[in-house]
Amino acid sequence: MDTRKLLSDAFEVATFAKFLQNLCPGLRWNEVEPRARQAWTERSPLRERLPWEHVRDFVRETWFLH
């Protein structure tokens, strides 16, 4: 994978995590995760190459750092 593609993918995942933070403020991770998983698997253009299982930990850690 080239550097541009890697950075683009990282930006996409980070944007998704930020979107969740803005959409679901004040909710606990266990309330958000099922919705996040569904949104990622249904809508993300990266869902084929980066399934939820690959991005979950990053999104989760971002959630707790927010």
Protein backbone atom coordinates (compact mmCIF):
# COMPACT_ATOMS: atom_id res chain seq x y z
CA MET A 1 0.00 0.00 0.00
CA ASP A 2 1.40 3.37 -0.89
CA THR A 3 1.70 6.25 1.53
CA ARG A 4 -1.04 8.35 -0.05
CA LYS A 5 -3.54 5.51 0.14
CA LEU A 6 -2.61 4.81 3.75
CA LEU A 7 -3.03 8.47 4.72
CA SER A 8 -6.31 8.67 2.84
CA ASP A 9 -7.63 5.59 4.64
CA ALA A 10 -6.49 6.93 8.02
CA PHE A 11 -8.22 10.23 7.30
CA GLU A 12 -11.44 8.42 6.38
CA VAL A 13 -11.43 6.42 9.63
CA ALA A 14 -10.61 9.52 11.70
CA THR A 15 -13.40 11.46 9.99
CA PHE A 16 -15.83 8.66 10.79
CA ALA A 17 -14.73 8.68 14.45
CA LYS A 18 -15.18 12.47 14.65
CA PHE A 19 -18.61 12.19 13.03
CA LEU A 20 -19.66 9.71 15.74
CA GLN A 21 -18.45 12.04 18.47
CA ASN A 22 -20.51 14.88 17.03
CA LEU A 23 -23.56 12.70 16.41
CA CYS A 24 -23.70 10.92 19.76
CA PRO A 25 -22.33 13.22 22.47
CA GLY A 26 -22.82 12.00 25.99
CA LEU A 27 -23.54 8.40 25.04
CA ARG A 28 -21.47 5.51 26.33
CA TRP A 29 -19.36 3.44 23.94
CA ASN A 30 -21.49 0.34 24.46
CA GLU A 31 -24.51 2.37 23.29
CA VAL A 32 -22.70 3.77 20.27
CA GLU A 33 -20.79 0.74 19.03
CA PRO A 34 -23.73 -1.20 17.51
CA ARG A 35 -24.77 1.89 15.53
CA ALA A 36 -21.19 2.63 14.55
CA ARG A 37 -20.67 -0.93 13.33
CA GLN A 38 -23.85 -0.79 11.29
CA ALA A 39 -23.00 2.59 9.79
CA TRP A 40 -19.48 1.50 8.88
CA THR A 41 -20.52 -1.79 7.31
CA GLU A 42 -23.38 -0.23 5.34
CA ARG A 43 -21.97 3.15 4.31
CA SER A 44 -18.21 3.36 4.41
CA PRO A 45 -16.47 3.25 1.04
CA LEU A 46 -13.64 1.40 2.84
CA ARG A 47 -15.84 -1.37 4.24
CA GLU A 48 -14.52 -3.95 1.78
CA ARG A 49 -10.82 -3.32 2.43
CA LEU A 50 -11.13 -2.30 6.08
CA PRO A 51 -13.93 -4.20 7.76
CA TRP A 52 -15.27 -3.01 11.11
CA GLU A 53 -13.05 -5.46 12.98
CA HIS A 54 -9.99 -3.63 11.61
CA VAL A 55 -11.10 -0.10 12.53
CA ARG A 56 -13.07 -0.78 15.72
CA ASP A 57 -10.19 -0.34 18.16
CA PHE A 58 -9.12 2.97 16.63
CA VAL A 59 -12.67 4.32 16.69
CA ARG A 60 -13.15 3.07 20.25
CA GLU A 61 -9.93 4.66 21.53
CA THR A 62 -10.83 7.91 19.82
CA TRP A 63 -14.21 7.76 21.55
CA PHE A 64 -12.61 7.52 24.98
CA LEU A 65 -10.11 10.30 24.26
CA HIS A 66 -12.86 12.71 23.26
